[in-house]
């Protein structure tokens, strides 16, 4: 028993001695130790760097392919919608007027969390030709309308705002309704009779309602019916633009002679 205790004591003292020696060695030879670690790190970086660069190239290529595929799908969808709009105008006997509109690109500079689905501020204003009532477009779809303008900025009321009201038409059936948001990211086509048969995917576009808002701007596609209220059935509209990732928009400008100085 005594021999076992002596062995434990000796091992403990030896462990303490080794620990003290390690601390002294690390303190006395700190610079050489760091230099050795750096040297080893430099050696290991040679096989590691090509692998890291190869991984970055693979990720970049994958992202490029995905983005290109998404852009192609959106371009194809926009082309189909453009064809549908022109066919609807021809069926109704309406002549297409010559375009007197242009666009100015703007970046979103402010979007408050508490009013995320109501409004955004952009970095273009009256000095760029922006006027109140002008539609804002992203990815070919109307996402809002200019509500106020400063010299170098403007506020855009989003289609998802409950205060947003816009006369719209279902292109396939030529039924008129009103676009309205709910402050929660949803868009609705209001005041539709319950007997109207609207199918998912039907295009909803702007109707002729003002000087600065021409007809035929796509707003979204019919997604599905809601609950009947007061004898009318709202239909949810899926926006064609990614409203959760709204960074840049295009604001429609009238012809120079039509702008208010």
Protein backbone atom coordinates (compact mmCIF):
# COMPACT_ATOMS: atom_id res chain seq x y z
CA UNK A 1 0.00 0.00 0.00
CA UNK A 2 2.79 2.41 0.96
CA UNK A 3 4.66 1.55 -2.21
CA UNK A 4 1.62 2.40 -4.35
CA UNK A 5 1.22 5.76 -2.60
CA UNK A 6 4.88 6.53 -3.17
CA UNK A 7 4.47 5.69 -6.87
CA UNK A 8 1.48 8.03 -7.18
CA UNK A 9 3.41 10.81 -5.41
CA UNK A 10 6.39 10.36 -7.69
CA UNK A 11 4.19 10.43 -10.81
CA UNK A 12 2.44 13.57 -9.58
CA UNK A 13 5.72 15.35 -8.88
CA UNK A 14 7.03 14.28 -12.28
CA UNK A 15 3.88 15.64 -14.01
CA UNK A 16 4.23 18.97 -12.17
CA UNK A 17 7.90 19.14 -13.12
CA UNK A 18 7.13 18.46 -16.79
CA UNK A 19 4.42 21.12 -16.77
CA UNK A 20 6.78 23.70 -15.26
CA UNK A 21 9.47 22.82 -17.78
CA UNK A 22 6.96 23.18 -20.63
CA UNK A 23 5.88 26.60 -19.38
CA UNK A 24 9.51 27.71 -19.04
CA UNK A 25 10.39 26.38 -22.48
CA UNK A 26 7.40 28.10 -24.11
CA UNK A 27 8.23 31.39 -22.42
CA UNK A 28 11.95 31.24 -23.12
CA UNK A 29 11.62 30.12 -26.72
CA UNK A 30 8.38 31.93 -27.67
CA UNK A 31 9.81 33.55 -30.77
CA UNK A 32 11.39 30.35 -32.17
CA UNK A 33 8.19 28.43 -31.42
CA UNK A 34 6.07 30.95 -33.30
CA UNK A 35 8.58 30.97 -36.13
CA UNK A 36 8.37 27.18 -36.36
CA UNK A 37 4.57 27.32 -36.38
CA UNK A 38 4.63 29.95 -39.13
CA UNK A 39 7.08 27.84 -41.11
CA UNK A 40 4.85 24.79 -40.89
CA UNK A 41 1.84 26.91 -41.84
CA UNK A 42 3.67 28.23 -44.91
CA UNK A 43 4.54 24.70 -45.99
CA UNK A 44 0.95 23.50 -45.59
CA UNK A 45 -0.40 26.51 -47.51
CA UNK A 46 1.12 25.25 -50.79
CA UNK A 47 -1.16 22.21 -51.14
CA UNK A 48 -4.06 24.02 -49.49
CA UNK A 49 -4.15 27.13 -51.73
CA UNK A 50 -4.91 25.34 -55.05
CA UNK A 51 -7.69 23.34 -53.38
CA UNK A 52 -9.20 26.50 -51.90
CA UNK A 53 -9.02 28.34 -55.23
CA UNK A 54 -10.54 25.35 -57.05
CA UNK A 55 -13.43 25.26 -54.58
CA UNK A 56 -14.06 29.01 -55.11
CA UNK A 57 -14.07 28.53 -58.90
CA UNK A 58 -16.53 25.64 -58.65
CA UNK A 59 -18.86 27.67 -56.42
CA UNK A 60 -18.66 30.70 -58.73
CA UNK A 61 -19.41 28.54 -61.78
CA UNK A 62 -22.37 26.92 -60.04
CA UNK A 63 -23.78 30.33 -59.02
CA UNK A 64 -23.33 31.64 -62.58
CA UNK A 65 -25.19 28.67 -64.06
CA UNK A 66 -28.07 29.05 -61.60
CA UNK A 67 -28.36 32.83 -62.17
CA UNK A 68 -28.23 32.43 -65.96
CA UNK A 69 -30.91 29.75 -65.86
CA UNK A 70 -33.12 31.98 -63.72
CA UNK A 71 -32.65 34.96 -66.05
CA UNK A 72 -33.50 32.82 -69.08
CA UNK A 73 -36.68 31.56 -67.43
CA UNK A 74 -37.75 35.09 -66.52
CA UNK A 75 -36.97 36.42 -70.00
CA UNK A 76 -39.05 33.61 -71.52
CA UNK A 77 -41.94 34.36 -69.14
CA UNK A 78 -41.81 38.07 -69.93
CA UNK A 79 -41.84 37.36 -73.66
CA UNK A 80 -44.90 35.14 -73.30
CA UNK A 81 -46.65 37.84 -71.27
CA UNK A 82 -45.78 40.45 -73.88
CA UNK A 83 -47.31 38.26 -76.58
CA UNK A 84 -50.43 37.76 -74.46
CA UNK A 85 -50.80 41.51 -73.94
CA UNK A 86 -50.50 42.27 -77.65
CA UNK A 87 -53.01 39.56 -78.48
CA UNK A 88 -55.46 40.96 -75.93
CA UNK A 89 -55.12 44.46 -77.38
CA UNK A 90 -55.72 43.13 -80.87
CA UNK A 91 -58.83 41.21 -79.75
CA UNK A 92 -60.23 44.34 -78.10
CA UNK A 93 -59.54 46.48 -81.17
CA UNK A 94 -57.29 48.89 -79.25
CA UNK A 95 -54.42 50.34 -81.25
CA UNK A 96 -51.08 50.41 -79.54
CA UNK A 97 -49.91 54.01 -79.14
CA UNK A 98 -46.34 54.93 -79.86
CA UNK A 99 -44.29 54.74 -76.70
CA UNK A 100 -43.49 58.14 -75.18
CA UNK A 101 -42.01 56.70 -72.01
CA UNK A 102 -38.52 56.10 -70.75
CA UNK A 103 -36.99 54.60 -67.62
CA UNK A 104 -34.57 55.73 -64.96
CA UNK A 105 -32.79 53.14 -62.85
CA UNK A 106 -32.81 53.65 -59.09
CA UNK A 107 -31.35 51.85 -56.08
CA UNK A 108 -33.26 51.18 -52.87
CA UNK A 109 -31.54 53.19 -50.13
CA UNK A 110 -33.95 52.73 -47.21
CA UNK A 111 -36.53 50.16 -46.15
CA UNK A 112 -37.76 50.31 -42.58
CA UNK A 113 -38.42 46.93 -40.91
CA UNK A 114 -41.72 48.15 -39.46
CA UNK A 115 -42.95 49.20 -42.91
CA UNK A 116 -41.16 46.50 -44.90
CA UNK A 117 -44.20 45.70 -47.05
CA UNK A 118 -45.41 49.32 -47.34
CA UNK A 119 -42.73 51.53 -48.86
CA UNK A 120 -39.11 51.97 -49.88
CA UNK A 121 -36.93 54.97 -50.61
CA UNK A 122 -34.83 55.21 -53.79
CA UNK A 123 -31.99 57.51 -54.83
CA UNK A 124 -33.72 59.22 -57.77
CA UNK A 125 -35.98 62.26 -57.55
CA UNK A 126 -37.46 65.21 -59.37
CA UNK A 127 -34.08 66.24 -60.78
CA UNK A 128 -34.09 62.91 -62.64
CA UNK A 129 -37.63 63.36 -63.99
CA UNK A 130 -39.43 61.27 -61.35
CA UNK A 131 -43.00 62.39 -60.61
CA UNK A 132 -45.66 61.33 -58.12
CA UNK A 133 -47.79 58.52 -59.50
CA UNK A 134 -45.09 57.05 -61.74
CA UNK A 135 -44.93 53.23 -61.61
CA UNK A 136 -41.84 51.44 -60.31
CA UNK A 137 -40.88 48.20 -62.03
CA UNK A 138 -38.59 45.32 -61.10
CA UNK A 139 -37.88 42.29 -63.29
CA UNK A 140 -40.58 43.42 -65.71
CA UNK A 141 -43.36 43.66 -63.09
CA UNK A 142 -44.84 46.69 -61.36
CA UNK A 143 -43.88 46.64 -57.69
CA UNK A 144 -45.26 50.00 -56.60
CA UNK A 145 -45.96 53.62 -57.39
CA UNK A 146 -44.13 56.82 -56.48
CA UNK A 147 -45.92 58.41 -53.52
CA UNK A 148 -43.66 61.41 -52.81
CA UNK A 149 -40.66 63.02 -54.49
CA UNK A 150 -37.68 65.08 -53.36
CA UNK A 151 -35.00 66.58 -55.54
CA UNK A 152 -32.66 63.60 -55.14
CA UNK A 153 -34.89 60.84 -53.76
CA UNK A 154 -38.40 59.40 -53.92
CA UNK A 155 -40.62 57.15 -51.84
CA UNK A 156 -42.35 54.21 -53.53
CA UNK A 157 -45.54 52.74 -52.12
CA UNK A 158 -45.40 48.98 -52.65
CA UNK A 159 -48.18 46.86 -54.11
CA UNK A 160 -48.15 44.90 -50.84
CA UNK A 161 -49.27 47.98 -48.86
CA UNK A 162 -52.85 48.03 -47.59
CA UNK A 163 -53.07 51.66 -48.72
CA UNK A 164 -52.15 50.74 -52.30
CA UNK A 165 -55.09 50.75 -54.73
CA UNK A 166 -54.68 50.22 -58.46
CA UNK A 167 -57.16 49.47 -61.23
CA UNK A 168 -56.07 46.27 -62.96
CA UNK A 169 -57.29 43.87 -65.59
CA UNK A 170 -57.04 40.10 -66.01
CA UNK A 171 -55.57 39.89 -69.49
CA UNK A 172 -57.05 36.51 -70.39
CA UNK A 173 -60.65 37.38 -69.47
CA UNK A 174 -60.56 41.20 -69.59
CA UNK A 175 -62.18 41.39 -66.13
CA UNK A 176 -61.49 44.54 -64.17
CA UNK A 177 -60.59 44.66 -60.48
CA UNK A 178 -58.50 46.57 -57.96
CA UNK A 179 -55.03 45.58 -56.76
CA UNK A 180 -54.59 45.91 -52.98
CA UNK A 181 -51.98 44.67 -50.47
CA UNK A 182 -52.36 43.53 -46.87
CA UNK A 183 -49.11 44.82 -45.26
CA UNK A 184 -47.98 41.19 -44.90
CA UNK A 185 -46.41 40.57 -48.30
CA UNK A 186 -49.57 39.48 -50.12
CA UNK A 187 -51.22 41.09 -53.15
CA UNK A 188 -54.94 40.71 -53.87
CA UNK A 189 -57.20 41.40 -56.83
CA UNK A 190 -60.35 42.78 -55.20
CA UNK A 191 -64.01 43.27 -56.21
CA UNK A 192 -64.30 40.20 -58.41
CA UNK A 193 -67.72 38.45 -58.67
CA UNK A 194 -67.72 34.88 -57.28
CA UNK A 195 -68.90 33.45 -60.59
CA UNK A 196 -65.76 34.61 -62.41
CA UNK A 197 -63.58 31.63 -63.24
CA UNK A 198 -59.99 32.79 -62.96
CA UNK A 199 -57.28 30.17 -63.32
CA UNK A 200 -53.87 30.14 -61.72
CA UNK A 201 -51.26 31.72 -63.96
CA UNK A 202 -53.53 34.26 -65.65
CA UNK A 203 -51.70 37.56 -66.12
CA UNK A 204 -52.87 40.66 -64.24
CA UNK A 205 -51.81 44.01 -65.69
CA UNK A 206 -52.52 47.70 -65.15
CA UNK A 207 -55.61 49.31 -66.62
CA UNK A 208 -55.65 52.83 -68.08
CA UNK A 209 -56.06 55.02 -64.99
CA UNK A 210 -53.82 58.08 -65.34
CA UNK A 211 -51.35 60.10 -67.34
CA UNK A 212 -48.28 58.62 -65.66
CA UNK A 213 -49.50 55.03 -65.51
CA UNK A 214 -50.03 53.43 -68.93
CA UNK A 215 -52.05 50.23 -69.37
CA UNK A 216 -50.53 46.82 -69.86
CA UNK A 217 -47.78 46.84 -67.22
CA UNK A 218 -47.68 43.32 -65.70
CA UNK A 219 -48.37 43.20 -61.96
CA UNK A 220 -48.40 39.44 -61.38
CA UNK A 221 -50.28 36.21 -61.99
CA UNK A 222 -53.46 34.86 -60.45
CA UNK A 223 -52.53 32.43 -57.67
CA UNK A 224 -55.86 31.40 -56.20
CA UNK A 225 -59.22 32.59 -54.81
CA UNK A 226 -59.80 33.90 -51.32
CA UNK A 227 -62.91 33.93 -49.15
CA UNK A 228 -66.12 35.52 -50.40
CA UNK A 229 -66.90 38.75 -48.57
CA UNK A 230 -69.91 40.97 -49.17
CA UNK A 231 -70.77 38.97 -52.26
CA UNK A 232 -67.31 39.45 -53.84
CA UNK A 233 -64.35 37.11 -54.08
CA UNK A 234 -60.77 38.41 -53.88
CA UNK A 235 -58.06 36.53 -55.73
CA UNK A 236 -54.48 36.35 -54.54
CA UNK A 237 -51.93 37.62 -57.06
CA UNK A 238 -48.36 36.31 -57.11
CA UNK A 239 -45.93 39.09 -58.00
CA UNK A 240 -43.45 38.29 -60.73
CA UNK A 241 -40.76 40.31 -58.92
CA UNK A 242 -38.87 39.19 -55.83
CA UNK A 243 -40.22 41.73 -53.37
CA UNK A 244 -38.20 40.30 -50.47
CA UNK A 245 -34.96 41.06 -52.34
CA UNK A 246 -35.71 44.49 -53.74
CA UNK A 247 -32.44 46.30 -54.39
CA UNK A 248 -32.91 48.08 -57.73
CA UNK A 249 -35.98 49.33 -59.57
CA UNK A 250 -36.85 51.16 -62.76
CA UNK A 251 -39.15 54.16 -62.60
CA UNK A 252 -41.23 54.96 -65.64
CA UNK A 253 -40.77 58.48 -66.99
CA UNK A 254 -43.11 60.31 -69.32
CA UNK A 255 -41.90 62.10 -72.42
CA UNK A 256 -39.96 65.31 -71.67
CA UNK A 257 -42.75 67.58 -72.92
CA UNK A 258 -45.21 65.85 -70.55
CA UNK A 259 -43.14 66.25 -67.40
CA UNK A 260 -43.98 68.84 -64.82
CA UNK A 261 -41.06 71.29 -64.46
